[in-house]
Amino acid sequence: MKWFIVISHITLASLMITLSGLRTGAPAQPMDTPDWKLIWSDEFNGSGGVDPVDWLYDTGTSYPDGPPNWGTGEVETYTSSLSNVYQEGGNLHILALQSGTDPLKGWTSGRIETVRTDFQPPPGGGLAVEASIRLPDLSDAGAQGYWPAFWMLGAPYRGNYWNWPGIGEIDILENINGLNQWWATLHCGTNPGGPCNEPSGIGGSHTGFTPSLQSSFHTYRIEFDTSLAPQEIRWYVDGVQRLMVTSNQVDAATWSQATQHGFFILLNVAIGGGWAGNPTGATASGGTMLVDYVRVYAWPVHSVYLPLVAVP
């Protein structure tokens, strides 16, 4: 007796409807499913610094020969010190610290990015990038100038540093000044202006989270779906879709340059800059972003789990 997978036209149609619903209609999937396959993760269960196999430290005030102050006017210096970036208690900790009396000087913080730059959807498939994060537990004057983020940059940026925003940036989570508000953005095209309205980009926000983003962990996720026409990038917070950008919102060349390549993932806590505004004498030192995990999923998987039917 031989075993075969027998799929009738009705069964296949039902399967396609089911998978389509998982991709476009249902909340983001938190674990492996027949549709989404976990392809990379860091659960931050170690101690000390981050794993150098998976992460690079950004240090100083710019990339080598790149735009000063990371291109945004930030005032901190990033370090690889355990004072600013470390693993403990199952979480990644990224701390912004300040010394001295000048609120615009003496700030150090952490910024890391994945060694891998090849995170992209399989041909005709999808990519999901997700993290569980608690933002620095600061508010009001004590949070002025804080700018934590979880985001992605197009692989062509690494080693060039002057081709932004054309190579694409996907901001999965940004927050400023301790507000209970989530922002997300796709950056693309040319700066200033261009088809993506830079430097603002194409994005959206949501507020009023309970519990607040600063008092509890929340799950932030994007899904980049290339199976659809137009293609979609969807943003989720705690499994609820909050934003979608489609490829027909810009011209084909801009979309292709911004998305048709790999990406790397970044986590950081910036201080100051053109959007958050500068810290003041009341800004608190020691604000900490906690990251429980970062996970990357993709589909299609190599096999779809269907019941086997015995055929004589």
Protein backbone atom coordinates (compact mmCIF):
# COMPACT_ATOMS: atom_id res chain seq x y z
CA MET A 1 0.00 0.00 0.00
CA LYS A 2 1.28 3.46 -0.90
CA TRP A 3 0.35 6.72 0.80
CA PHE A 4 -0.48 9.86 -1.18
CA ILE A 5 -1.89 13.24 -0.31
CA VAL A 6 -5.20 13.41 -2.18
CA ILE A 7 -6.61 16.91 -2.59
CA SER A 8 -9.95 17.39 -4.32
CA HIS A 9 -10.77 20.64 -6.08
CA ILE A 10 -13.15 21.46 -3.22
CA THR A 11 -10.56 20.66 -0.56
CA LEU A 12 -7.89 22.72 -2.32
CA ALA A 13 -10.22 25.65 -2.66
CA SER A 14 -11.13 25.45 1.02
CA LEU A 15 -7.43 25.29 1.91
CA MET A 16 -6.63 28.39 -0.12
CA ILE A 17 -9.50 30.29 1.51
CA THR A 18 -8.29 29.21 4.94
CA LEU A 19 -4.70 30.26 4.31
CA SER A 20 -5.79 33.53 2.76
CA GLY A 21 -7.84 34.26 5.88
CA LEU A 22 -4.84 33.56 8.08
CA ARG A 23 -2.76 36.01 6.12
CA THR A 24 -5.11 38.89 5.62
CA GLY A 25 -8.09 38.62 7.93
CA ALA A 26 -6.93 37.12 11.20
CA PRO A 27 -4.80 38.51 14.02
CA ALA A 28 -1.05 38.04 13.76
CA GLN A 29 0.08 34.53 14.68
CA PRO A 30 2.24 34.40 17.83
CA MET A 31 3.82 30.98 17.22
CA ASP A 32 4.61 28.49 14.46
CA THR A 33 1.52 27.55 12.45
CA PRO A 34 1.10 25.64 9.21
CA ASP A 35 1.06 29.06 7.56
CA TRP A 36 3.80 30.98 9.42
CA LYS A 37 7.14 29.30 10.12
CA LEU A 38 9.59 30.68 12.67
CA ILE A 39 12.89 31.20 10.82
CA TRP A 40 14.93 33.24 13.33
CA SER A 41 14.59 34.49 16.89
CA ASP A 42 16.37 35.76 19.97
CA GLU A 43 14.57 35.10 23.26
CA PHE A 44 17.21 37.05 25.27
CA ASN A 45 17.55 34.29 27.86
CA GLY A 46 21.30 34.79 28.23
CA SER A 47 23.30 37.11 30.44
CA GLY A 48 25.78 39.87 29.76
CA GLY A 49 26.01 41.34 26.28
CA VAL A 50 24.03 40.31 23.23
CA ASP A 51 25.10 37.29 21.17
CA PRO A 52 27.67 38.51 18.58
CA VAL A 53 26.54 35.75 16.22
CA ASP A 54 23.19 37.51 15.94
CA TRP A 55 23.77 41.18 16.76
CA LEU A 56 26.10 44.08 16.02
CA TYR A 57 26.55 47.06 18.33
CA ASP A 58 26.28 50.50 16.79
CA THR A 59 28.65 52.81 18.65
CA GLY A 60 29.50 56.49 18.65
CA THR A 61 27.42 59.24 17.08
CA SER A 62 27.24 58.00 13.50
CA TYR A 63 28.03 55.17 11.14
CA PRO A 64 31.57 55.36 9.70
CA ASP A 65 31.54 58.39 7.40
CA GLY A 66 27.75 58.46 7.67
CA PRO A 67 25.43 61.35 8.55
CA PRO A 68 26.33 62.96 11.90
CA ASN A 69 24.17 62.33 14.95
CA TRP A 70 22.70 59.29 13.14
CA GLY A 71 21.05 61.61 10.65
CA THR A 72 18.34 62.68 13.10
CA GLY A 73 20.03 65.18 15.43
CA GLU A 74 20.21 62.79 18.41
CA VAL A 75 22.47 63.85 21.28
CA GLU A 76 23.42 60.48 22.81
CA THR A 77 26.54 58.40 22.17
CA TYR A 78 25.84 54.72 21.62
CA THR A 79 28.08 52.23 23.37
CA SER A 80 28.58 48.48 23.69
CA SER A 81 28.92 48.82 27.46
CA LEU A 82 26.95 46.55 29.77
CA SER A 83 25.81 49.78 31.41
CA ASN A 84 23.72 50.48 28.29
CA VAL A 85 22.94 47.08 26.71
CA TYR A 86 22.65 43.76 28.51
CA GLN A 87 20.57 40.60 28.98
CA GLU A 88 19.09 39.74 32.37
CA GLY A 89 16.01 37.93 33.63
CA GLY A 90 14.92 36.81 30.18
CA ASN A 91 14.91 40.32 28.72
CA LEU A 92 17.17 42.60 26.74
CA HIS A 93 17.73 45.88 28.57
CA ILE A 94 18.62 49.07 26.67
CA LEU A 95 19.30 52.00 29.02
CA ALA A 96 19.86 55.68 28.39
CA LEU A 97 22.15 57.22 30.99
CA GLN A 98 23.24 60.80 31.56
CA SER A 99 26.14 62.26 33.52
CA GLY A 100 27.00 65.86 34.15
CA THR A 101 24.83 68.94 34.45
CA ASP A 102 24.35 69.91 30.77
CA PRO A 103 21.12 68.19 29.59
CA LEU A 104 22.42 68.10 26.01
CA LYS A 105 25.67 66.33 26.89
CA GLY A 106 26.81 63.23 28.69
CA TRP A 107 24.13 60.90 27.35
CA THR A 108 24.97 57.27 26.48
CA SER A 109 22.57 54.61 25.25
CA GLY A 110 22.37 51.43 23.20
CA ARG A 111 21.59 50.55 19.62
CA ILE A 112 21.94 47.05 18.13
CA GLU A 113 21.19 45.60 14.72
CA THR A 114 21.03 42.07 13.40
CA VAL A 115 24.07 40.59 11.70
CA ARG A 116 21.72 39.17 9.09
CA THR A 117 20.52 41.49 6.35
CA ASP A 118 18.49 38.94 4.39
CA PHE A 119 15.11 39.10 6.09
CA GLN A 120 12.62 39.25 3.22
CA PRO A 121 9.51 37.39 2.06
CA PRO A 122 10.03 34.19 0.06
CA PRO A 123 9.00 34.70 -3.59
CA GLY A 124 5.25 35.19 -3.65
CA GLY A 125 5.06 34.74 0.13
CA GLY A 126 5.19 36.67 3.36
CA LEU A 127 7.55 37.85 6.09
CA ALA A 128 6.59 38.73 9.66
CA VAL A 129 8.86 40.47 12.18
CA GLU A 130 7.65 40.66 15.77
CA ALA A 131 8.87 41.70 19.23
CA SER A 132 7.47 41.92 22.73
CA ILE A 133 8.59 45.23 24.25
CA ARG A 134 8.01 47.37 27.32
CA LEU A 135 8.92 51.00 26.73
CA PRO A 136 10.88 53.10 29.26
CA ASP A 137 8.64 53.65 32.27
CA LEU A 138 8.83 57.43 32.16
CA SER A 139 6.31 60.17 31.52
CA ASP A 140 5.84 63.92 31.40
CA ALA A 141 8.98 66.04 31.90
CA GLY A 142 11.07 63.03 32.90
CA ALA A 143 10.54 61.46 29.48
CA GLN A 144 11.35 64.51 27.36
CA GLY A 145 13.70 63.55 24.55
CA TYR A 146 13.33 59.76 24.84
CA TRP A 147 12.88 58.05 21.46
CA PRO A 148 12.81 54.22 21.67
CA ALA A 149 12.33 52.22 18.47
CA PHE A 150 12.03 48.75 16.90
CA TRP A 151 12.60 48.99 13.15
CA MET A 152 14.15 47.67 9.93
CA LEU A 153 16.48 49.09 7.30
CA GLY A 154 17.02 47.88 3.74
CA ALA A 155 20.18 45.81 3.30
CA PRO A 156 21.67 48.22 0.73
CA TYR A 157 22.09 50.77 3.51
CA ARG A 158 24.77 48.76 5.30
CA GLY A 159 28.13 50.07 4.22
CA ASN A 160 26.70 52.96 2.20
CA TYR A 161 24.84 55.15 4.76
CA TRP A 162 23.90 57.84 2.26
CA ASN A 163 21.13 56.12 0.26
CA TRP A 164 18.30 56.67 2.76
CA PRO A 165 15.32 56.73 2.33
CA GLY A 166 15.36 55.15 -1.11
CA ILE A 167 16.50 51.76 0.22
CA GLY A 168 13.50 51.55 2.54
CA GLU A 169 12.92 51.78 6.27
CA ILE A 170 10.08 50.02 8.08
CA ASP A 171 9.44 51.42 11.55
CA ILE A 172 7.51 48.76 13.48
CA LEU A 173 7.38 50.76 16.69
CA GLU A 174 8.43 54.29 17.52
CA ASN A 175 7.57 56.30 20.60
CA ILE A 176 8.58 59.72 21.88
CA ASN A 177 8.57 61.54 25.19
CA GLY A 178 6.84 58.82 27.19
CA LEU A 179 3.49 59.24 25.45
CA ASN A 180 1.10 56.30 25.51
CA GLN A 181 1.15 56.33 21.72
CA TRP A 182 2.49 54.01 19.00
CA TRP A 183 3.80 55.25 15.66
CA ALA A 184 4.66 53.21 12.56
CA THR A 185 6.07 54.35 9.23
CA LEU A 186 7.36 53.27 5.85
CA HIS A 187 10.17 55.53 4.59
CA CYS A 188 10.99 55.43 0.89
CA GLY A 189 11.65 57.53 -2.20
CA THR A 190 13.62 60.75 -1.91
CA ASN A 191 14.20 63.31 0.83
CA PRO A 192 12.78 65.89 1.17
CA GLY A 193 9.33 65.32 -0.29
CA GLY A 194 9.12 62.71 -3.02
CA PRO A 195 6.42 60.05 -3.38
CA CYS A 196 6.71 59.08 0.31
CA ASN A 197 6.44 62.59 1.77
CA GLU A 198 9.84 62.48 3.47
CA PRO A 199 11.08 62.93 6.06
CA SER A 200 7.66 62.10 7.52
CA GLY A 201 7.13 58.98 5.40
CA ILE A 202 3.87 57.05 5.04
CA GLY A 203 2.55 55.98 8.40
CA GLY A 204 0.06 56.18 11.21
CA SER A 205 -0.36 56.06 14.97
CA HIS A 206 -2.67 54.87 17.71
CA THR A 207 -3.06 55.97 21.31
CA GLY A 208 -4.90 55.09 24.51
CA PHE A 209 -3.44 51.63 25.16
CA THR A 210 -4.51 49.87 28.37
CA PRO A 211 -2.25 49.01 30.11
CA SER A 212 0.03 51.74 28.81
CA LEU A 213 3.00 51.04 26.56
CA GLN A 214 5.29 52.11 29.41
CA SER A 215 3.73 49.95 32.14
CA SER A 216 3.44 46.61 30.36
CA PHE A 217 4.83 44.49 27.53
CA HIS A 218 3.04 44.77 24.20
CA THR A 219 3.56 42.83 20.97
CA TYR A 220 4.55 44.76 17.83
CA ARG A 221 4.56 43.09 14.42
CA ILE A 222 4.71 43.76 10.69
CA GLU A 223 3.66 41.41 7.93
CA PHE A 224 5.00 42.01 4.43
CA ASP A 225 2.74 40.10 2.02
CA THR A 226 3.92 39.77 -1.58
CA SER A 227 1.22 37.25 -2.57
CA LEU A 228 -1.31 40.00 -3.15
CA ALA A 229 -1.66 42.64 -5.85
CA PRO A 230 -1.04 45.28 -4.69
CA GLN A 231 1.49 44.02 -2.15
CA GLU A 232 0.81 44.89 1.49
CA ILE A 233 2.79 45.81 4.59
CA ARG A 234 0.55 45.45 7.65
CA TRP A 235 1.29 46.65 11.18
CA TYR A 236 -0.16 45.01 14.32
CA VAL A 237 -0.13 45.88 18.01
CA ASP A 238 -1.16 43.01 20.29
CA GLY A 239 -2.56 41.15 17.29
CA VAL A 240 -4.80 44.01 16.13
CA GLN A 241 -4.05 45.50 12.72
CA ARG A 242 -3.45 49.25 13.09
CA LEU A 243 -1.94 50.28 9.74
CA MET A 244 -1.50 49.04 6.19
CA VAL A 245 0.55 50.46 3.31
CA THR A 246 0.15 49.02 -0.19
CA SER A 247 2.46 49.05 -3.17
CA ASN A 248 0.05 51.10 -5.28
CA GLN A 249 0.41 54.06 -2.92
CA VAL A 250 3.71 54.90 -4.65
CA ASP A 251 5.14 54.29 -8.10
CA ALA A 252 6.49 50.84 -8.95
CA ALA A 253 10.14 51.92 -9.06
CA THR A 254 9.98 53.51 -5.60
CA TRP A 255 8.31 50.43 -4.10
CA SER A 256 10.79 48.07 -5.71
CA GLN A 257 13.83 50.04 -4.55
CA ALA A 258 12.44 50.25 -1.00
CA THR A 259 11.28 46.67 -0.51
CA GLN A 260 12.65 44.17 -3.04
CA HIS A 261 15.71 43.15 -1.04
CA GLY A 262 16.64 41.93 2.41
CA PHE A 263 16.34 43.94 5.62
CA PHE A 264 18.13 44.03 8.96
CA ILE A 265 16.43 44.66 12.30
CA LEU A 266 17.32 47.36 14.84
CA LEU A 267 16.51 48.13 18.48
CA ASN A 268 17.57 51.37 20.16
CA VAL A 269 16.76 54.12 22.62
CA ALA A 270 17.70 57.49 21.17
CA ILE A 271 17.82 60.75 23.10
CA GLY A 272 16.88 64.01 21.43
CA GLY A 273 16.57 64.59 17.72
CA GLY A 274 14.34 66.53 15.41
CA TRP A 275 11.17 64.63 16.22
CA ALA A 276 11.39 63.96 19.97
CA GLY A 277 13.02 67.29 20.75
CA ASN A 278 15.98 67.73 23.06
CA PRO A 279 16.15 66.54 26.68
CA THR A 280 15.97 69.11 29.44
CA GLY A 281 17.28 69.32 32.97
CA ALA A 282 14.16 67.43 34.09
CA THR A 283 14.75 64.46 31.75
CA ALA A 284 15.39 61.35 33.84
CA SER A 285 18.52 59.26 33.44
CA GLY A 286 18.15 55.48 33.38
CA GLY A 287 15.06 55.03 31.24
CA THR A 288 15.07 51.41 30.06
CA MET A 289 13.46 49.63 27.13
CA LEU A 290 12.87 45.93 27.89
CA VAL A 291 12.64 43.42 25.02
CA ASP A 292 11.32 39.94 25.79
CA TYR A 293 12.01 38.52 22.31
CA VAL A 294 12.44 39.27 18.62
CA ARG A 295 11.06 36.68 16.17
CA VAL A 296 10.98 36.42 12.39
CA TYR A 297 8.46 34.27 10.53
CA ALA A 298 7.98 33.46 6.86
CA TRP A 299 5.64 31.54 4.58
CA PRO A 300 5.12 29.44 2.53
CA VAL A 301 6.55 26.64 4.61
CA HIS A 302 8.06 23.60 2.92
CA SER A 303 5.06 21.41 3.67
CA VAL A 304 1.40 21.90 4.48
CA TYR A 305 -0.02 19.58 7.11
CA LEU A 306 -2.85 17.71 5.47
CA PRO A 307 -4.38 14.34 6.44
CA LEU A 308 -2.97 11.40 4.51
CA VAL A 309 -5.45 9.31 2.55
CA ALA A 310 -4.70 5.64 1.87
CA VAL A 311 -4.88 4.71 -1.81
CA PRO A 312 -4.76 1.01 -2.77
